[in-house]
C-alpha atoms as a PDB file:
ATOM      1  CA  MET A   1      -8.077  39.712 -36.745  1.00  0.00           C
ATOM      2  CA  ALA A   2     -10.984  42.288 -36.759  1.00  0.00           C
ATOM      3  CA  LEU A   3     -14.779  42.123 -36.777  1.00  0.00           C
ATOM      4  CA  SER A   4     -16.431  45.353 -38.145  1.00  0.00           C
ATOM      5  CA  SER A   5     -19.867  46.881 -37.458  1.00  0.00           C
ATOM      6  CA  HIS A   6     -21.536  50.260 -38.276  1.00  0.00           C
ATOM      7  CA  SER A   7     -23.335  50.774 -34.950  1.00  0.00           C
ATOM      8  CA  PRO A   8     -22.022  53.106 -32.100  1.00  0.00           C
ATOM      9  CA  HIS A   9     -18.428  54.093 -32.727  1.00  0.00           C
ATOM     10  CA  THR A  10     -16.578  52.162 -30.067  1.00  0.00           C
ATOM     11  CA  VAL A  11     -13.219  50.391 -30.145  1.00  0.00           C
ATOM     12  CA  LEU A  12     -12.414  47.555 -27.760  1.00  0.00           C
ATOM     13  CA  THR A  13      -8.679  47.108 -27.335  1.00  0.00           C
ATOM     14  CA  THR A  14      -6.486  45.060 -25.061  1.00  0.00           C
ATOM     15  CA  ALA A  15      -3.963  47.773 -24.435  1.00  0.00           C
ATOM     16  CA  GLN A  16      -2.410  47.208 -21.017  1.00  0.00           C
ATOM     17  CA  SER A  17      -1.544  49.933 -18.519  1.00  0.00           C
ATOM     18  CA  SER A  18       1.135  49.759 -15.923  1.00  0.00           C
ATOM     19  CA  THR A  19      -1.350  48.852 -13.183  1.00  0.00           C
ATOM     20  CA  HIS A  20      -4.203  46.998 -14.914  1.00  0.00           C
ATOM     21  CA  SER A  21      -4.340  44.221 -17.495  1.00  0.00           C
ATOM     22  CA  ALA A  22      -8.086  44.515 -18.236  1.00  0.00           C
ATOM     23  CA  PRO A  23      -9.172  45.795 -21.685  1.00  0.00           C
ATOM     24  CA  LYS A  24      -9.868  49.569 -22.022  1.00  0.00           C
ATOM     25  CA  LEU A  25     -12.986  51.006 -23.704  1.00  0.00           C
ATOM     26  CA  LEU A  26     -12.049  53.893 -26.053  1.00  0.00           C
ATOM     27  CA  HIS A  27     -14.470  56.233 -27.893  1.00  0.00           C
ATOM     28  CA  SER A  28     -14.109  57.594 -31.407  1.00  0.00           C
ATOM     29  CA  HIS A  29     -16.445  59.647 -33.669  1.00  0.00           C
ATOM     30  CA  SER A  30     -14.517  59.268 -36.896  1.00  0.00           C
ATOM     31  CA  SER A  31     -14.462  55.554 -37.642  1.00  0.00           C
ATOM     32  CA  PRO A  32     -16.860  52.615 -37.597  1.00  0.00           C
ATOM     33  CA  THR A  33     -16.915  50.378 -34.556  1.00  0.00           C
ATOM     34  CA  THR A  34     -14.131  47.791 -34.607  1.00  0.00           C
ATOM     35  CA  PHE A  35     -13.452  44.985 -32.158  1.00  0.00           C
ATOM     36  CA  SER A  36      -9.708  44.425 -32.186  1.00  0.00           C
ATOM     37  CA  PHE A  37      -7.905  41.441 -30.652  1.00  0.00           C
ATOM     38  CA  PRO A  38      -4.163  40.902 -30.524  1.00  0.00           C
ATOM     39  CA  THR A  39      -3.130  38.186 -32.918  1.00  0.00           C
ATOM     40  CA  LYS A  40       0.046  36.638 -34.215  1.00  0.00           C
ATOM     41  CA  PRO A  41       0.294  36.202 -37.936  1.00  0.00           C
ATOM     42  CA  ILE A  42       0.295  32.552 -39.012  1.00  0.00           C
ATOM     43  CA  THR A  43       3.428  32.094 -40.991  1.00  0.00           C
ATOM     44  CA  GLN A  44       3.932  29.450 -43.648  1.00  0.00           C
ATOM     45  CA  GLN A  45       6.331  27.629 -41.343  1.00  0.00           C
ATOM     46  CA  HIS A  46       3.754  27.653 -38.528  1.00  0.00           C
ATOM     47  CA  ALA A  47       1.051  26.314 -40.832  1.00  0.00           C
ATOM     48  CA  LEU A  48       3.402  23.558 -42.004  1.00  0.00           C
ATOM     49  CA  SER A  49       4.172  22.704 -38.390  1.00  0.00           C
ATOM     50  CA  LEU A  50       0.474  22.399 -37.562  1.00  0.00           C
ATOM     51  CA  SER A  51      -0.074  20.196 -40.610  1.00  0.00           C
ATOM     52  CA  THR A  52       2.901  17.981 -39.718  1.00  0.00           C
ATOM     53  CA  THR A  53       1.703  17.696 -36.122  1.00  0.00           C
ATOM     54  CA  SER A  54      -1.706  16.538 -37.357  1.00  0.00           C
ATOM     55  CA  VAL A  55      -0.097  13.892 -39.584  1.00  0.00           C
ATOM     56  CA  ASP A  56       2.171  12.734 -36.754  1.00  0.00           C
ATOM     57  CA  THR A  57      -0.832  12.489 -34.428  1.00  0.00           C
ATOM     58  CA  ASP A  58      -2.687  10.350 -36.960  1.00  0.00           C
ATOM     59  CA  LYS A  59       0.360   8.093 -37.307  1.00  0.00           C
ATOM     60  CA  TRP A  60       0.643   7.812 -33.519  1.00  0.00           C
ATOM     61  CA  ARG A  61      -3.013   6.878 -33.247  1.00  0.00           C
ATOM     62  CA  THR A  62      -2.564   4.270 -35.966  1.00  0.00           C
ATOM     63  CA  ASN A  63       0.446   2.803 -34.157  1.00  0.00           C
ATOM     64  CA  VAL A  64      -1.367   2.773 -30.833  1.00  0.00           C
ATOM     65  CA  SER A  65      -4.267   0.858 -32.349  1.00  0.00           C
ATOM     66  CA  PHE A  66      -1.960  -1.488 -34.282  1.00  0.00           C
ATOM     67  CA  PHE A  67       0.454  -2.600 -31.561  1.00  0.00           C
ATOM     68  CA  PRO A  68      -2.089  -3.965 -29.044  1.00  0.00           C
ATOM     69  CA  THR A  69      -3.664  -6.036 -31.827  1.00  0.00           C
ATOM     70  CA  PHE A  70      -0.266  -7.298 -32.961  1.00  0.00           C
ATOM     71  CA  LEU A  71       0.857  -8.100 -29.427  1.00  0.00           C
ATOM     72  CA  ASN A  72      -2.465  -9.754 -28.628  1.00  0.00           C
ATOM     73  CA  LYS A  73      -2.154 -12.099 -31.628  1.00  0.00           C
ATOM     74  CA  LYS A  74       1.422 -12.900 -30.664  1.00  0.00           C
ATOM     75  CA  ALA A  75       0.419 -13.572 -27.062  1.00  0.00           C
ATOM     76  CA  LYS A  76      -2.231 -16.090 -28.180  1.00  0.00           C
ATOM     77  CA  ASP A  77       0.179 -18.157 -30.288  1.00  0.00           C
ATOM     78  CA  PRO A  78       0.929 -21.345 -28.301  1.00  0.00           C
ATOM     79  CA  LYS A  79       3.731 -22.567 -30.598  1.00  0.00           C
ATOM     80  CA  PRO A  80       6.676 -20.715 -28.982  1.00  0.00           C
ATOM     81  CA  ILE A  81       5.408 -21.637 -25.515  1.00  0.00           C
ATOM     82  CA  LYS A  82       5.157 -25.310 -26.506  1.00  0.00           C
ATOM     83  CA  GLU A  83       8.692 -25.197 -27.854  1.00  0.00           C
ATOM     84  CA  GLU A  84       9.916 -23.625 -24.621  1.00  0.00           C
ATOM     85  CA  LEU A  85       8.116 -26.283 -22.581  1.00  0.00           C
ATOM     86  CA  LEU A  86       9.435 -29.222 -24.603  1.00  0.00           C
ATOM     87  CA  GLU A  87      12.967 -27.853 -24.457  1.00  0.00           C
ATOM     88  CA  ALA A  88      12.742 -27.456 -20.685  1.00  0.00           C
ATOM     89  CA  ILE A  89      11.514 -30.991 -19.991  1.00  0.00           C
ATOM     90  CA  ALA A  90      13.743 -32.802 -22.524  1.00  0.00           C
ATOM     91  CA  PRO A  91      16.710 -33.468 -20.171  1.00  0.00           C
ATOM     92  CA  LEU A  92      14.598 -34.342 -17.101  1.00  0.00           C
ATOM     93  CA  ASP A  93      13.824 -38.053 -17.774  1.00  0.00           C
ATOM     94  CA  ARG A  94      10.046 -37.417 -17.759  1.00  0.00           C
ATOM     95  CA  GLY A  95      10.460 -35.534 -14.470  1.00  0.00           C
ATOM     96  CA  ALA A  96      12.467 -38.124 -12.506  1.00  0.00           C
ATOM     97  CA  ASP A  97      15.573 -35.913 -12.593  1.00  0.00           C
ATOM     98  CA  ALA A  98      13.731 -32.640 -11.982  1.00  0.00           C
ATOM     99  CA  THR A  99      14.827 -30.482  -9.053  1.00  0.00           C
ATOM    100  CA  PRO A 100      12.286 -28.324  -7.177  1.00  0.00           C
ATOM    101  CA  GLU A 101      13.561 -25.390  -9.249  1.00  0.00           C
ATOM    102  CA  ASP A 102      12.991 -27.389 -12.456  1.00  0.00           C
ATOM    103  CA  GLN A 103       9.478 -28.278 -11.345  1.00  0.00           C
ATOM    104  CA  GLN A 104       8.682 -24.650 -10.585  1.00  0.00           C
ATOM    105  CA  ARG A 105       9.951 -23.528 -13.981  1.00  0.00           C
ATOM    106  CA  ILE A 106       8.005 -26.248 -15.814  1.00  0.00           C
ATOM    107  CA  ASP A 107       4.860 -25.317 -13.905  1.00  0.00           C
ATOM    108  CA  GLN A 108       5.246 -21.644 -14.846  1.00  0.00           C
ATOM    109  CA  ILE A 109       5.672 -22.461 -18.542  1.00  0.00           C
ATOM    110  CA  ALA A 110       2.722 -24.869 -18.404  1.00  0.00           C
ATOM    111  CA  ARG A 111       0.536 -22.139 -16.923  1.00  0.00           C
ATOM    112  CA  LYS A 112       1.498 -19.807 -19.758  1.00  0.00           C
ATOM    113  CA  LEU A 113       0.433 -22.513 -22.198  1.00  0.00           C
ATOM    114  CA  GLU A 114      -2.818 -23.147 -20.333  1.00  0.00           C
ATOM    115  CA  ALA A 115      -3.616 -19.429 -20.638  1.00  0.00           C
ATOM    116  CA  VAL A 116      -3.724 -19.758 -24.451  1.00  0.00           C
ATOM    117  CA  ASN A 117      -5.563 -23.090 -24.565  1.00  0.00           C
ATOM    118  CA  PRO A 118      -7.331 -23.247 -27.960  1.00  0.00           C
ATOM    119  CA  THR A 119      -9.751 -26.011 -26.885  1.00  0.00           C
ATOM    120  CA  LYS A 120     -12.263 -24.654 -24.389  1.00  0.00           C
ATOM    121  CA  ASN A 121     -14.354 -27.845 -24.143  1.00  0.00           C
ATOM    122  CA  PRO A 122     -11.797 -30.669 -24.317  1.00  0.00           C
ATOM    123  CA  LEU A 123     -14.203 -33.384 -23.175  1.00  0.00           C
ATOM    124  CA  LYS A 124     -16.284 -32.741 -26.295  1.00  0.00           C
ATOM    125  CA  SER A 125     -13.318 -32.554 -28.654  1.00  0.00           C
ATOM    126  CA  ASP A 126     -12.158 -35.341 -30.967  1.00  0.00           C
ATOM    127  CA  LEU A 127      -8.597 -34.157 -30.278  1.00  0.00           C
ATOM    128  CA  LEU A 128      -8.814 -35.977 -26.948  1.00  0.00           C
ATOM    129  CA  ASN A 129      -9.235 -39.396 -28.593  1.00  0.00           C
ATOM    130  CA  GLY A 130      -6.230 -41.680 -29.032  1.00  0.00           C
ATOM    131  CA  LYS A 131      -3.067 -42.796 -27.283  1.00  0.00           C
ATOM    132  CA  TRP A 132      -0.908 -40.237 -25.507  1.00  0.00           C
ATOM    133  CA  GLU A 133       2.643 -40.701 -24.254  1.00  0.00           C
ATOM    134  CA  LEU A 134       3.553 -39.218 -20.888  1.00  0.00           C
ATOM    135  CA  ILE A 135       6.629 -37.014 -21.341  1.00  0.00           C
ATOM    136  CA  TYR A 136       6.637 -35.230 -17.977  1.00  0.00           C
ATOM    137  CA  THR A 137       4.959 -35.549 -14.600  1.00  0.00           C
ATOM    138  CA  THR A 138       5.479 -34.598 -10.976  1.00  0.00           C
ATOM    139  CA  SER A 139       3.814 -37.815  -9.755  1.00  0.00           C
ATOM    140  CA  ARG A 140       6.393 -39.872  -7.856  1.00  0.00           C
ATOM    141  CA  SER A 141       4.193 -42.965  -7.895  1.00  0.00           C
ATOM    142  CA  ILE A 142       4.241 -42.972 -11.702  1.00  0.00           C
ATOM    143  CA  LEU A 143       7.930 -42.086 -11.965  1.00  0.00           C
ATOM    144  CA  GLN A 144       8.765 -44.798  -9.369  1.00  0.00           C
ATOM    145  CA  THR A 145      11.789 -42.813  -8.214  1.00  0.00           C
ATOM    146  CA  GLN A 146      12.146 -45.060  -5.163  1.00  0.00           C
ATOM    147  CA  ARG A 147      13.169 -47.929  -7.462  1.00  0.00           C
ATOM    148  CA  PRO A 148      16.460 -48.430  -9.287  1.00  0.00           C
ATOM    149  CA  LYS A 149      16.279 -47.129 -12.841  1.00  0.00           C
ATOM    150  CA  PHE A 150      16.373 -50.591 -14.405  1.00  0.00           C
ATOM    151  CA  LEU A 151      13.160 -51.473 -12.527  1.00  0.00           C
ATOM    152  CA  ARG A 152      11.255 -48.381 -13.600  1.00  0.00           C
ATOM    153  CA  SER A 153       8.792 -48.299 -16.454  1.00  0.00           C
ATOM    154  CA  ARG A 154      10.458 -46.926 -19.559  1.00  0.00           C
ATOM    155  CA  THR A 155       7.324 -45.393 -21.065  1.00  0.00           C
ATOM    156  CA  ASN A 156       3.824 -44.623 -19.867  1.00  0.00           C
ATOM    157  CA  PHE A 157       0.803 -44.177 -22.105  1.00  0.00           C
ATOM    158  CA  GLN A 158      -2.708 -42.943 -21.497  1.00  0.00           C
ATOM    159  CA  ALA A 159      -5.571 -43.484 -23.930  1.00  0.00           C
ATOM    160  CA  ILE A 160      -8.962 -41.807 -23.812  1.00  0.00           C
ATOM    161  CA  ASN A 161     -12.235 -42.346 -25.662  1.00  0.00           C
ATOM    162  CA  ALA A 162     -14.083 -39.041 -25.393  1.00  0.00           C
ATOM    163  CA  ASP A 163     -17.321 -40.520 -26.769  1.00  0.00           C
ATOM    164  CA  THR A 164     -17.531 -43.532 -24.429  1.00  0.00           C
ATOM    165  CA  LEU A 165     -15.773 -41.811 -21.501  1.00  0.00           C
ATOM    166  CA  ARG A 166     -13.280 -44.627 -21.075  1.00  0.00           C
ATOM    167  CA  ALA A 167      -9.591 -44.317 -20.218  1.00  0.00           C
ATOM    168  CA  GLN A 168      -6.627 -46.664 -20.083  1.00  0.00           C
ATOM    169  CA  ASN A 169      -3.170 -46.288 -18.534  1.00  0.00           C
ATOM    170  CA  MET A 170      -0.362 -48.507 -19.825  1.00  0.00           C
ATOM    171  CA  GLU A 171       3.218 -49.160 -18.760  1.00  0.00           C
ATOM    172  CA  SER A 172       5.940 -50.457 -21.044  1.00  0.00           C
ATOM    173  CA  TRP A 173       8.817 -52.783 -20.158  1.00  0.00           C
ATOM    174  CA  PRO A 174       9.574 -54.303 -17.683  1.00  0.00           C
ATOM    175  CA  PHE A 175       6.064 -54.725 -16.212  1.00  0.00           C
ATOM    176  CA  PHE A 176       3.535 -53.937 -18.972  1.00  0.00           C
ATOM    177  CA  ASN A 177       0.849 -53.209 -16.376  1.00  0.00           C
ATOM    178  CA  GLN A 178      -2.467 -51.704 -17.442  1.00  0.00           C
ATOM    179  CA  VAL A 179      -5.490 -50.162 -15.773  1.00  0.00           C
ATOM    180  CA  THR A 180      -8.817 -49.091 -17.258  1.00  0.00           C
ATOM    181  CA  ALA A 181     -11.241 -46.528 -15.878  1.00  0.00           C
ATOM    182  CA  ASP A 182     -14.629 -44.905 -16.314  1.00  0.00           C
ATOM    183  CA  LEU A 183     -14.758 -41.122 -16.626  1.00  0.00           C
ATOM    184  CA  THR A 184     -17.569 -38.959 -15.271  1.00  0.00           C
ATOM    185  CA  PRO A 185     -17.603 -35.324 -16.432  1.00  0.00           C
ATOM    186  CA  LEU A 186     -17.662 -32.759 -13.627  1.00  0.00           C
ATOM    187  CA  ASN A 187     -17.523 -29.762 -15.954  1.00  0.00           C
ATOM    188  CA  ALA A 188     -16.330 -28.945 -19.491  1.00  0.00           C
ATOM    189  CA  ARG A 189     -12.748 -30.020 -18.768  1.00  0.00           C
ATOM    190  CA  LYS A 190     -12.668 -32.003 -15.514  1.00  0.00           C
ATOM    191  CA  VAL A 191     -13.578 -35.653 -14.957  1.00  0.00           C
ATOM    192  CA  ALA A 192     -13.900 -37.977 -12.018  1.00  0.00           C
ATOM    193  CA  VAL A 193     -11.830 -41.111 -12.655  1.00  0.00           C
ATOM    194  CA  LYS A 194     -12.904 -44.505 -11.287  1.00  0.00           C
ATOM    195  CA  PHE A 195     -10.542 -47.364 -12.049  1.00  0.00           C
ATOM    196  CA  ASP A 196     -12.260 -50.694 -12.635  1.00  0.00           C
ATOM    197  CA  PHE A 197      -9.654 -53.283 -13.707  1.00  0.00           C
ATOM    198  CA  PHE A 198      -5.911 -53.697 -13.424  1.00  0.00           C
ATOM    199  CA  LYS A 199      -3.917 -56.033 -15.642  1.00  0.00           C
ATOM    200  CA  ILE A 200      -0.662 -57.373 -14.267  1.00  0.00           C
ATOM    201  CA  ALA A 201       1.895 -57.864 -17.032  1.00  0.00           C
ATOM    202  CA  GLY A 202      -0.916 -56.993 -19.412  1.00  0.00           C
ATOM    203  CA  LEU A 203      -2.445 -60.440 -18.932  1.00  0.00           C
ATOM    204  CA  ILE A 204      -4.163 -60.995 -15.600  1.00  0.00           C
ATOM    205  CA  PRO A 205      -7.207 -58.762 -14.946  1.00  0.00           C
ATOM    206  CA  ILE A 206      -7.824 -57.791 -11.324  1.00  0.00           C
ATOM    207  CA  LYS A 207     -10.823 -55.814 -10.118  1.00  0.00           C
ATOM    208  CA  ALA A 208      -9.728 -52.458  -8.761  1.00  0.00           C
ATOM    209  CA  PRO A 209     -10.487 -51.651  -5.115  1.00  0.00           C
ATOM    210  CA  GLY A 210     -13.201 -49.081  -4.407  1.00  0.00           C
ATOM    211  CA  ARG A 211     -10.670 -46.509  -3.253  1.00  0.00           C
ATOM    212  CA  ALA A 212      -9.027 -46.453  -6.694  1.00  0.00           C
ATOM    213  CA  HIS A 213     -10.415 -43.157  -7.939  1.00  0.00           C
ATOM    214  CA  GLY A 214      -9.409 -39.556  -8.510  1.00  0.00           C
ATOM    215  CA  GLU A 215     -10.001 -36.462 -10.624  1.00  0.00           C
ATOM    216  CA  LEU A 216      -8.301 -35.158 -13.740  1.00  0.00           C
ATOM    217  CA  GLU A 217      -8.558 -31.704 -15.318  1.00  0.00           C
ATOM    218  CA  ILE A 218      -7.512 -31.163 -18.942  1.00  0.00           C
ATOM    219  CA  THR A 219      -6.038 -27.675 -18.954  1.00  0.00           C
ATOM    220  CA  TYR A 220      -4.523 -27.594 -22.460  1.00  0.00           C
ATOM    221  CA  LEU A 221      -5.334 -29.606 -25.577  1.00  0.00           C
ATOM    222  CA  ASP A 222      -4.364 -29.475 -29.228  1.00  0.00           C
ATOM    223  CA  GLU A 223      -3.564 -32.101 -31.863  1.00  0.00           C
ATOM    224  CA  GLU A 224      -0.009 -32.578 -30.542  1.00  0.00           C
ATOM    225  CA  LEU A 225       0.083 -31.856 -26.821  1.00  0.00           C
ATOM    226  CA  ARG A 226      -2.086 -32.277 -23.744  1.00  0.00           C
ATOM    227  CA  VAL A 227      -1.587 -30.816 -20.279  1.00  0.00           C
ATOM    228  CA  SER A 228      -3.570 -32.203 -17.346  1.00  0.00           C
ATOM    229  CA  ARG A 229      -3.634 -31.649 -13.591  1.00  0.00           C
ATOM    230  CA  GLY A 230      -4.681 -34.194 -10.980  1.00  0.00           C
ATOM    231  CA  ASP A 231      -6.624 -33.678  -7.773  1.00  0.00           C
ATOM    232  CA  LYS A 232      -3.434 -34.188  -5.736  1.00  0.00           C
ATOM    233  CA  GLY A 233      -1.691 -31.303  -7.471  1.00  0.00           C
ATOM    234  CA  ASN A 234       0.338 -33.381  -9.914  1.00  0.00           C
ATOM    235  CA  LEU A 235       1.107 -32.083 -13.394  1.00  0.00           C
ATOM    236  CA  PHE A 236       0.959 -34.337 -16.471  1.00  0.00           C
ATOM    237  CA  ILE A 237       2.258 -33.404 -19.927  1.00  0.00           C
ATOM    238  CA  LEU A 238       1.595 -35.815 -22.790  1.00  0.00           C
ATOM    239  CA  LYS A 239       2.194 -35.921 -26.531  1.00  0.00           C
ATOM    240  CA  MET A 240      -0.047 -37.610 -29.070  1.00  0.00           C
ATOM    241  CA  VAL A 241       1.374 -40.814 -30.561  1.00  0.00           C
ATOM    242  CA  ASP A 242      -1.657 -42.588 -32.091  1.00  0.00           C
ATOM    243  CA  PRO A 243      -4.918 -40.695 -32.683  1.00  0.00           C
ATOM    244  CA  SER A 244      -6.604 -43.840 -34.066  1.00  0.00           C
ATOM    245  CA  TYR A 245      -6.171 -45.922 -30.895  1.00  0.00           C
ATOM    246  CA  ARG A 246      -9.349 -46.924 -29.041  1.00  0.00           C
ATOM    247  CA  VAL A 247      -9.678 -48.013 -25.424  1.00  0.00           C
ATOM    248  CA  PRO A 248     -11.067 -51.589 -25.230  1.00  0.00           C
ATOM    249  CA  ILE A 249     -14.604 -51.667 -23.851  1.00  0.00           C
END
């Protein structure tokens, strides 16, 4: 490549000597001044290579921008995590047959599900209303593992009215016990629970003692599944069975 001028006749070259690599200044009186730089001719193959590299770079940039978005959408999909959770708890008799290793695994899957919770303010959501069936818990007092199996409750339900802040726990055969409670919001997803009346065999109401209270945090909620954690560290996983059910006032 050369840049020409018609001022003093000087040629700048990059000819190298045996001892110096700096450019030499040569004088000439017969030709116009020319600044000469060593260049390599750009061949057709080289030009094609540069063009291909540019296209490949654009493709790479497109892929880089695409994959995080794709992976992010996949990571926020709770469905496969719910399926994994339900499959893991299915053989555990609501948690009564769970080993410490089982409990740890269930807790890890539940935390993955909690991380993609679609309902950020569950206490204000209509999805909370209705009757829920307990399908897994770590609470030994609910599972009654100290009793023979034929004396344990077969099914446990919990109903919540989000608008009136009332809750009800129900046992099935053989005892049919019930307890109702008032809920006091502590934040967008945690409530203080104060039990007011127990019903023995579903018939005889008994006023709950003052110490009958606790806290419950709703950590995952959708139209099918609810995950909650108690103030004593217990985990509760429930499935919706009747969204139209209302807790008696």
